[in-house]
């Protein structure tokens, strides 16, 4: 579970989704064994939601440093 949490935090989206699926299956099959890992997972989810405003801003902010790019507000409409 610790390795899956590390993959969830550091790896790409595809591997993170696979890690989540494995974590869910492990929890479904071995609840008593992995019960101590539930709180770290919930803390991770909480941390992600706390960072959501800055992540959304970074993802959707207009990047004017790209040569030849035109901000969406100034693109002529046909």
PDB file of N, CA and C in Angstrom:
ATOM      1  N   UNK A   1       0.826  -1.187   0.000  1.00  0.00           N
ATOM      2  CA  UNK A   1       0.000   0.000   0.000  1.00  0.00           C
ATOM      3  C   UNK A   1       0.870   1.252   0.000  1.00  0.00           C
ATOM      4  N   UNK A   2       1.992   1.212   0.714  1.00  0.00           N
ATOM      5  CA  UNK A   2       2.882   2.380   0.738  1.00  0.00           C
ATOM      6  C   UNK A   2       3.434   2.663  -0.653  1.00  0.00           C
ATOM      7  N   UNK A   3       3.784   1.630  -1.377  1.00  0.00           N
ATOM      8  CA  UNK A   3       4.279   1.801  -2.740  1.00  0.00           C
ATOM      9  C   UNK A   3       3.177   2.342  -3.656  1.00  0.00           C
ATOM     10  N   UNK A   4       1.971   1.863  -3.488  1.00  0.00           N
ATOM     11  CA  UNK A   4       0.863   2.364  -4.289  1.00  0.00           C
ATOM     12  C   UNK A   4       0.594   3.839  -4.001  1.00  0.00           C
ATOM     13  N   UNK A   5       0.716   4.237  -2.742  1.00  0.00           N
ATOM     14  CA  UNK A   5       0.546   5.649  -2.399  1.00  0.00           C
ATOM     15  C   UNK A   5       1.647   6.498  -3.032  1.00  0.00           C
ATOM     16  N   UNK A   6       2.855   5.974  -3.067  1.00  0.00           N
ATOM     17  CA  UNK A   6       3.966   6.701  -3.708  1.00  0.00           C
ATOM     18  C   UNK A   6       3.700   6.860  -5.205  1.00  0.00           C
ATOM     19  N   UNK A   7       3.222   5.804  -5.844  1.00  0.00           N
ATOM     20  CA  UNK A   7       2.888   5.876  -7.270  1.00  0.00           C
ATOM     21  C   UNK A   7       1.778   6.888  -7.492  1.00  0.00           C
ATOM     22  N   UNK A   8       0.800   6.887  -6.613  1.00  0.00           N
ATOM     23  CA  UNK A   8      -0.316   7.818  -6.717  1.00  0.00           C
ATOM     24  C   UNK A   8       0.157   9.265  -6.642  1.00  0.00           C
ATOM     25  N   UNK A   9       1.137   9.522  -5.797  1.00  0.00           N
ATOM     26  CA  UNK A   9       1.642  10.883  -5.614  1.00  0.00           C
ATOM     27  C   UNK A   9       2.606  11.328  -6.717  1.00  0.00           C
ATOM     28  N   UNK A  10       3.403  10.417  -7.251  1.00  0.00           N
ATOM     29  CA  UNK A  10       4.521  10.839  -8.092  1.00  0.00           C
ATOM     30  C   UNK A  10       4.448  10.423  -9.555  1.00  0.00           C
ATOM     31  N   UNK A  11       3.658   9.432  -9.881  1.00  0.00           N
ATOM     32  CA  UNK A  11       3.694   8.899 -11.243  1.00  0.00           C
ATOM     33  C   UNK A  11       2.665   9.584 -12.132  1.00  0.00           C
ATOM     34  N   UNK A  12       2.611   9.152 -13.385  1.00  0.00           N
ATOM     35  CA  UNK A  12       1.684   9.762 -14.340  1.00  0.00           C
ATOM     36  C   UNK A  12       0.246   9.315 -14.078  1.00  0.00           C
ATOM     37  N   UNK A  13      -0.683   9.931 -14.788  1.00  0.00           N
ATOM     38  CA  UNK A  13      -2.108   9.699 -14.546  1.00  0.00           C
ATOM     39  C   UNK A  13      -2.512   8.245 -14.774  1.00  0.00           C
ATOM     40  N   UNK A  14      -2.006   7.643 -15.827  1.00  0.00           N
ATOM     41  CA  UNK A  14      -2.368   6.262 -16.145  1.00  0.00           C
ATOM     42  C   UNK A  14      -1.942   5.312 -15.032  1.00  0.00           C
ATOM     43  N   UNK A  15      -0.732   5.464 -14.546  1.00  0.00           N
ATOM     44  CA  UNK A  15      -0.251   4.611 -13.455  1.00  0.00           C
ATOM     45  C   UNK A  15      -0.984   4.902 -12.152  1.00  0.00           C
ATOM     46  N   UNK A  16      -1.345   6.165 -11.927  1.00  0.00           N
ATOM     47  CA  UNK A  16      -2.083   6.526 -10.723  1.00  0.00           C
ATOM     48  C   UNK A  16      -3.464   5.874 -10.717  1.00  0.00           C
ATOM     49  N   UNK A  17      -4.120   5.849 -11.860  1.00  0.00           N
ATOM     50  CA  UNK A  17      -5.436   5.199 -11.948  1.00  0.00           C
ATOM     51  C   UNK A  17      -5.304   3.713 -11.684  1.00  0.00           C
ATOM     52  N   UNK A  18      -4.281   3.095 -12.233  1.00  0.00           N
ATOM     53  CA  UNK A  18      -4.042   1.671 -11.994  1.00  0.00           C
ATOM     54  C   UNK A  18      -3.754   1.419 -10.510  1.00  0.00           C
ATOM     55  N   UNK A  19      -2.966   2.291  -9.890  1.00  0.00           N
ATOM     56  CA  UNK A  19      -2.677   2.156  -8.462  1.00  0.00           C
ATOM     57  C   UNK A  19      -3.955   2.271  -7.640  1.00  0.00           C
ATOM     58  N   UNK A  20      -4.835   3.201  -8.009  1.00  0.00           N
ATOM     59  CA  UNK A  20      -6.113   3.347  -7.303  1.00  0.00           C
ATOM     60  C   UNK A  20      -6.958   2.083  -7.418  1.00  0.00           C
ATOM     61  N   UNK A  21      -7.002   1.502  -8.604  1.00  0.00           N
ATOM     62  CA  UNK A  21      -7.767   0.269  -8.804  1.00  0.00           C
ATOM     63  C   UNK A  21      -7.222  -0.859  -7.940  1.00  0.00           C
ATOM     64  N   UNK A  22      -5.911  -0.964  -7.871  1.00  0.00           N
ATOM     65  CA  UNK A  22      -5.287  -2.007  -7.047  1.00  0.00           C
ATOM     66  C   UNK A  22      -5.587  -1.757  -5.576  1.00  0.00           C
ATOM     67  N   UNK A  23      -5.512  -0.490  -5.154  1.00  0.00           N
ATOM     68  CA  UNK A  23      -5.798  -0.158  -3.757  1.00  0.00           C
ATOM     69  C   UNK A  23      -7.239  -0.530  -3.392  1.00  0.00           C
ATOM     70  N   UNK A  24      -8.161  -0.234  -4.279  1.00  0.00           N
ATOM     71  CA  UNK A  24      -9.565  -0.567  -4.026  1.00  0.00           C
ATOM     72  C   UNK A  24      -9.751  -2.080  -3.922  1.00  0.00           C
ATOM     73  N   UNK A  25      -9.128  -2.829  -4.830  1.00  0.00           N
ATOM     74  CA  UNK A  25      -9.227  -4.291  -4.772  1.00  0.00           C
ATOM     75  C   UNK A  25      -8.604  -4.855  -3.507  1.00  0.00           C
ATOM     76  N   UNK A  26      -7.453  -4.314  -3.099  1.00  0.00           N
ATOM     77  CA  UNK A  26      -6.820  -4.776  -1.867  1.00  0.00           C
ATOM     78  C   UNK A  26      -7.699  -4.480  -0.657  1.00  0.00           C
ATOM     79  N   UNK A  27      -8.284  -3.302  -0.639  1.00  0.00           N
ATOM     80  CA  UNK A  27      -9.150  -2.950   0.486  1.00  0.00           C
ATOM     81  C   UNK A  27     -10.390  -3.837   0.511  1.00  0.00           C
ATOM     82  N   UNK A  28     -10.921  -4.134  -0.656  1.00  0.00           N
ATOM     83  CA  UNK A  28     -12.106  -4.987  -0.746  1.00  0.00           C
ATOM     84  C   UNK A  28     -11.805  -6.397  -0.223  1.00  0.00           C
ATOM     85  N   UNK A  29     -10.627  -6.906  -0.524  1.00  0.00           N
ATOM     86  CA  UNK A  29     -10.281  -8.279  -0.167  1.00  0.00           C
ATOM     87  C   UNK A  29      -9.619  -8.412   1.200  1.00  0.00           C
ATOM     88  N   UNK A  30      -8.879  -7.391   1.626  1.00  0.00           N
ATOM     89  CA  UNK A  30      -8.086  -7.484   2.857  1.00  0.00           C
ATOM     90  C   UNK A  30      -8.321  -6.277   3.759  1.00  0.00           C
ATOM     91  N   UNK A  31      -9.581  -5.997   4.088  1.00  0.00           N
ATOM     92  CA  UNK A  31      -9.919  -4.807   4.880  1.00  0.00           C
ATOM     93  C   UNK A  31      -9.122  -4.712   6.170  1.00  0.00           C
ATOM     94  N   UNK A  32      -9.017  -5.802   6.879  1.00  0.00           N
ATOM     95  CA  UNK A  32      -8.332  -5.773   8.174  1.00  0.00           C
ATOM     96  C   UNK A  32      -6.840  -5.513   8.045  1.00  0.00           C
ATOM     97  N   UNK A  33      -6.246  -5.992   6.980  1.00  0.00           N
ATOM     98  CA  UNK A  33      -4.806  -5.849   6.789  1.00  0.00           C
ATOM     99  C   UNK A  33      -4.432  -4.420   6.387  1.00  0.00           C
ATOM    100  N   UNK A  34      -5.252  -3.790   5.549  1.00  0.00           N
ATOM    101  CA  UNK A  34      -4.917  -2.464   5.029  1.00  0.00           C
ATOM    102  C   UNK A  34      -5.676  -1.332   5.727  1.00  0.00           C
ATOM    103  N   UNK A  35      -6.364  -1.628   6.799  1.00  0.00           N
ATOM    104  CA  UNK A  35      -7.178  -0.615   7.488  1.00  0.00           C
ATOM    105  C   UNK A  35      -6.346   0.581   7.951  1.00  0.00           C
ATOM    106  N   UNK A  36      -5.095   0.353   8.319  1.00  0.00           N
ATOM    107  CA  UNK A  36      -4.246   1.455   8.785  1.00  0.00           C
ATOM    108  C   UNK A  36      -3.813   2.392   7.652  1.00  0.00           C
ATOM    109  N   UNK A  37      -4.050   2.004   6.404  1.00  0.00           N
ATOM    110  CA  UNK A  37      -3.675   2.834   5.263  1.00  0.00           C
ATOM    111  C   UNK A  37      -4.820   3.712   4.750  1.00  0.00           C
ATOM    112  N   UNK A  38      -5.997   3.581   5.349  1.00  0.00           N
ATOM    113  CA  UNK A  38      -7.140   4.361   4.895  1.00  0.00           C
ATOM    114  C   UNK A  38      -6.939   5.851   5.194  1.00  0.00           C
ATOM    115  N   UNK A  39      -6.501   6.172   6.402  1.00  0.00           N
ATOM    116  CA  UNK A  39      -6.332   7.582   6.768  1.00  0.00           C
ATOM    117  C   UNK A  39      -5.275   8.287   5.922  1.00  0.00           C
ATOM    118  N   UNK A  40      -4.115   7.692   5.647  1.00  0.00           N
ATOM    119  CA  UNK A  40      -3.165   8.358   4.746  1.00  0.00           C
ATOM    120  C   UNK A  40      -3.756   8.610   3.351  1.00  0.00           C
ATOM    121  N   UNK A  41      -4.586   7.691   2.873  1.00  0.00           N
ATOM    122  CA  UNK A  41      -5.226   7.889   1.588  1.00  0.00           C
ATOM    123  C   UNK A  41      -6.210   9.060   1.644  1.00  0.00           C
ATOM    124  N   UNK A  42      -7.008   9.112   2.704  1.00  0.00           N
ATOM    125  CA  UNK A  42      -7.954  10.219   2.857  1.00  0.00           C
ATOM    126  C   UNK A  42      -7.226  11.550   3.008  1.00  0.00           C
ATOM    127  N   UNK A  43      -6.096  11.546   3.693  1.00  0.00           N
ATOM    128  CA  UNK A  43      -5.288  12.759   3.807  1.00  0.00           C
ATOM    129  C   UNK A  43      -4.794  13.214   2.436  1.00  0.00           C
ATOM    130  N   UNK A  44      -4.403  12.256   1.602  1.00  0.00           N
ATOM    131  CA  UNK A  44      -3.953  12.569   0.251  1.00  0.00           C
ATOM    132  C   UNK A  44      -5.089  13.188  -0.566  1.00  0.00           C
ATOM    133  N   UNK A  45      -6.279  12.619  -0.477  1.00  0.00           N
ATOM    134  CA  UNK A  45      -7.434  13.152  -1.208  1.00  0.00           C
ATOM    135  C   UNK A  45      -7.737  14.571  -0.726  1.00  0.00           C
ATOM    136  N   UNK A  46      -7.693  14.784   0.592  1.00  0.00           N
ATOM    137  CA  UNK A  46      -7.935  16.108   1.154  1.00  0.00           C
ATOM    138  C   UNK A  46      -6.900  17.116   0.647  1.00  0.00           C
ATOM    139  N   UNK A  47      -5.649  16.696   0.588  1.00  0.00           N
ATOM    140  CA  UNK A  47      -4.563  17.549   0.086  1.00  0.00           C
ATOM    141  C   UNK A  47      -4.792  17.918  -1.379  1.00  0.00           C
ATOM    142  N   UNK A  48      -5.254  16.968  -2.168  1.00  0.00           N
ATOM    143  CA  UNK A  48      -5.530  17.243  -3.573  1.00  0.00           C
ATOM    144  C   UNK A  48      -6.630  18.287  -3.713  1.00  0.00           C
ATOM    145  N   UNK A  49      -7.672  18.175  -2.919  1.00  0.00           N
ATOM    146  CA  UNK A  49      -8.764  19.148  -2.992  1.00  0.00           C
ATOM    147  C   UNK A  49      -8.332  20.519  -2.487  1.00  0.00           C
ATOM    148  N   UNK A  50      -7.426  20.560  -1.536  1.00  0.00           N
ATOM    149  CA  UNK A  50      -6.913  21.843  -1.066  1.00  0.00           C
ATOM    150  C   UNK A  50      -6.127  22.552  -2.168  1.00  0.00           C
ATOM    151  N   UNK A  51      -5.420  21.784  -2.979  1.00  0.00           N
ATOM    152  CA  UNK A  51      -4.596  22.350  -4.056  1.00  0.00           C
ATOM    153  C   UNK A  51      -5.375  22.596  -5.343  1.00  0.00           C
ATOM    154  N   UNK A  52      -6.656  22.231  -5.368  1.00  0.00           N
ATOM    155  CA  UNK A  52      -7.436  22.312  -6.597  1.00  0.00           C
ATOM    156  C   UNK A  52      -7.488  23.714  -7.209  1.00  0.00           C
ATOM    157  N   UNK A  53      -7.702  24.789  -6.454  1.00  0.00           N
ATOM    158  CA  UNK A  53      -7.754  26.117  -7.097  1.00  0.00           C
ATOM    159  C   UNK A  53      -6.474  26.467  -7.869  1.00  0.00           C
ATOM    160  N   UNK A  54      -5.319  26.184  -7.294  1.00  0.00           N
ATOM    161  CA  UNK A  54      -4.074  26.507  -8.000  1.00  0.00           C
ATOM    162  C   UNK A  54      -3.850  25.585  -9.188  1.00  0.00           C
ATOM    163  N   UNK A  55      -4.270  24.341  -9.091  1.00  0.00           N
ATOM    164  CA  UNK A  55      -4.113  23.409 -10.205  1.00  0.00           C
ATOM    165  C   UNK A  55      -5.001  23.823 -11.374  1.00  0.00           C
ATOM    166  N   UNK A  56      -6.241  24.194 -11.074  1.00  0.00           N
ATOM    167  CA  UNK A  56      -7.157  24.633 -12.127  1.00  0.00           C
ATOM    168  C   UNK A  56      -6.637  25.910 -12.772  1.00  0.00           C
ATOM    169  N   UNK A  57      -6.151  26.831 -11.961  1.00  0.00           N
ATOM    170  CA  UNK A  57      -5.611  28.085 -12.498  1.00  0.00           C
ATOM    171  C   UNK A  57      -4.425  27.804 -13.422  1.00  0.00           C
ATOM    172  N   UNK A  58      -3.515  26.933 -12.982  1.00  0.00           N
ATOM    173  CA  UNK A  58      -2.354  26.597 -13.807  1.00  0.00           C
ATOM    174  C   UNK A  58      -2.765  25.920 -15.114  1.00  0.00           C
ATOM    175  N   UNK A  59      -3.774  25.057 -15.040  1.00  0.00           N
ATOM    176  CA  UNK A  59      -4.191  24.307 -16.220  1.00  0.00           C
ATOM    177  C   UNK A  59      -4.922  25.169 -17.236  1.00  0.00           C
ATOM    178  N   UNK A  60      -5.704  26.138 -16.770  1.00  0.00           N
ATOM    179  CA  UNK A  60      -6.542  26.900 -17.679  1.00  0.00           C
ATOM    180  C   UNK A  60      -6.099  28.345 -17.891  1.00  0.00           C
ATOM    181  N   UNK A  61      -5.017  28.736 -17.267  1.00  0.00           N
ATOM    182  CA  UNK A  61      -4.513  30.086 -17.444  1.00  0.00           C
ATOM    183  C   UNK A  61      -3.922  30.218 -18.840  1.00  0.00           C
ATOM    184  N   UNK A  62      -4.169  31.358 -19.494  1.00  0.00           N
ATOM    185  CA  UNK A  62      -3.629  31.599 -20.829  1.00  0.00           C
ATOM    186  C   UNK A  62      -2.130  31.797 -20.724  1.00  0.00           C
ATOM    187  N   UNK A  63      -1.390  31.030 -21.482  1.00  0.00           N
ATOM    188  CA  UNK A  63       0.064  31.118 -21.481  1.00  0.00           C
ATOM    189  C   UNK A  63       0.485  31.969 -22.662  1.00  0.00           C
ATOM    190  N   UNK A  64       0.911  33.194 -22.390  1.00  0.00           N
ATOM    191  CA  UNK A  64       1.313  34.114 -23.463  1.00  0.00           C
ATOM    192  C   UNK A  64       2.781  33.992 -23.817  1.00  0.00           C
ATOM    193  N   UNK A  65       3.506  33.104 -23.154  1.00  0.00           N
ATOM    194  CA  UNK A  65       4.932  32.966 -23.430  1.00  0.00           C
ATOM    195  C   UNK A  65       5.207  32.060 -24.625  1.00  0.00           C
ATOM    196  N   UNK A  66       4.190  31.421 -25.179  1.00  0.00           N
ATOM    197  CA  UNK A  66       4.373  30.538 -26.326  1.00  0.00           C
ATOM    198  C   UNK A  66       4.408  31.393 -27.590  1.00  0.00           C
ATOM    199  N   UNK A  67       5.497  31.312 -28.365  1.00  0.00           N
ATOM    200  CA  UNK A  67       5.584  32.125 -29.583  1.00  0.00           C
ATOM    201  C   UNK A  67       4.437  31.809 -30.537  1.00  0.00           C
ATOM    202  N   UNK A  68       3.820  32.861 -31.053  1.00  0.00           N
ATOM    203  CA  UNK A  68       2.742  32.674 -32.012  1.00  0.00           C
ATOM    204  C   UNK A  68       1.387  32.405 -31.397  1.00  0.00           C
ATOM    205  N   UNK A  69       1.324  32.337 -30.066  1.00  0.00           N
ATOM    206  CA  UNK A  69       0.042  32.075 -29.440  1.00  0.00           C
ATOM    207  C   UNK A  69      -0.751  33.373 -29.357  1.00  0.00           C
ATOM    208  N   UNK A  70      -2.063  33.216 -29.454  1.00  0.00           N
ATOM    209  CA  UNK A  70      -2.955  34.365 -29.368  1.00  0.00           C
ATOM    210  C   UNK A  70      -3.933  34.119 -28.236  1.00  0.00           C
ATOM    211  N   UNK A  71      -4.034  35.046 -27.302  1.00  0.00           N
ATOM    212  CA  UNK A  71      -5.025  34.847 -26.232  1.00  0.00           C
ATOM    213  C   UNK A  71      -6.410  34.667 -26.808  1.00  0.00           C
ATOM    214  N   UNK A  72      -7.230  33.853 -26.174  1.00  0.00           N
ATOM    215  CA  UNK A  72      -8.547  33.504 -26.683  1.00  0.00           C
ATOM    216  C   UNK A  72      -9.431  34.731 -26.874  1.00  0.00           C
ATOM    217  N   UNK A  73      -9.259  35.763 -26.065  1.00  0.00           N
ATOM    218  CA  UNK A  73     -10.115  36.943 -26.147  1.00  0.00           C
ATOM    219  C   UNK A  73      -9.873  37.744 -27.413  1.00  0.00           C
ATOM    220  N   UNK A  74      -8.714  37.618 -28.050  1.00  0.00           N
ATOM    221  CA  UNK A  74      -8.402  38.414 -29.223  1.00  0.00           C
ATOM    222  C   UNK A  74      -8.473  37.636 -30.527  1.00  0.00           C
ATOM    223  N   UNK A  75      -8.900  36.385 -30.470  1.00  0.00           N
ATOM    224  CA  UNK A  75      -9.005  35.584 -31.679  1.00  0.00           C
ATOM    225  C   UNK A  75     -10.229  36.059 -32.463  1.00  0.00           C
ATOM    226  N   UNK A  76     -10.044  36.433 -33.740  1.00  0.00           N
ATOM    227  CA  UNK A  76     -11.194  36.894 -34.527  1.00  0.00           C
ATOM    228  C   UNK A  76     -12.177  35.760 -34.780  1.00  0.00           C
ATOM    229  N   UNK A  77     -13.452  36.073 -34.719  1.00  0.00           N
ATOM    230  CA  UNK A  77     -14.491  35.084 -34.988  1.00  0.00           C
ATOM    231  C   UNK A  77     -14.904  35.173 -36.441  1.00  0.00           C
ATOM    232  N   UNK A  78     -15.063  34.039 -37.121  1.00  0.00           N
ATOM    233  CA  UNK A  78     -15.420  34.046 -38.556  1.00  0.00           C
ATOM    234  C   UNK A  78     -16.833  34.537 -38.786  1.00  0.00           C
TER     235      UNK A  78
END
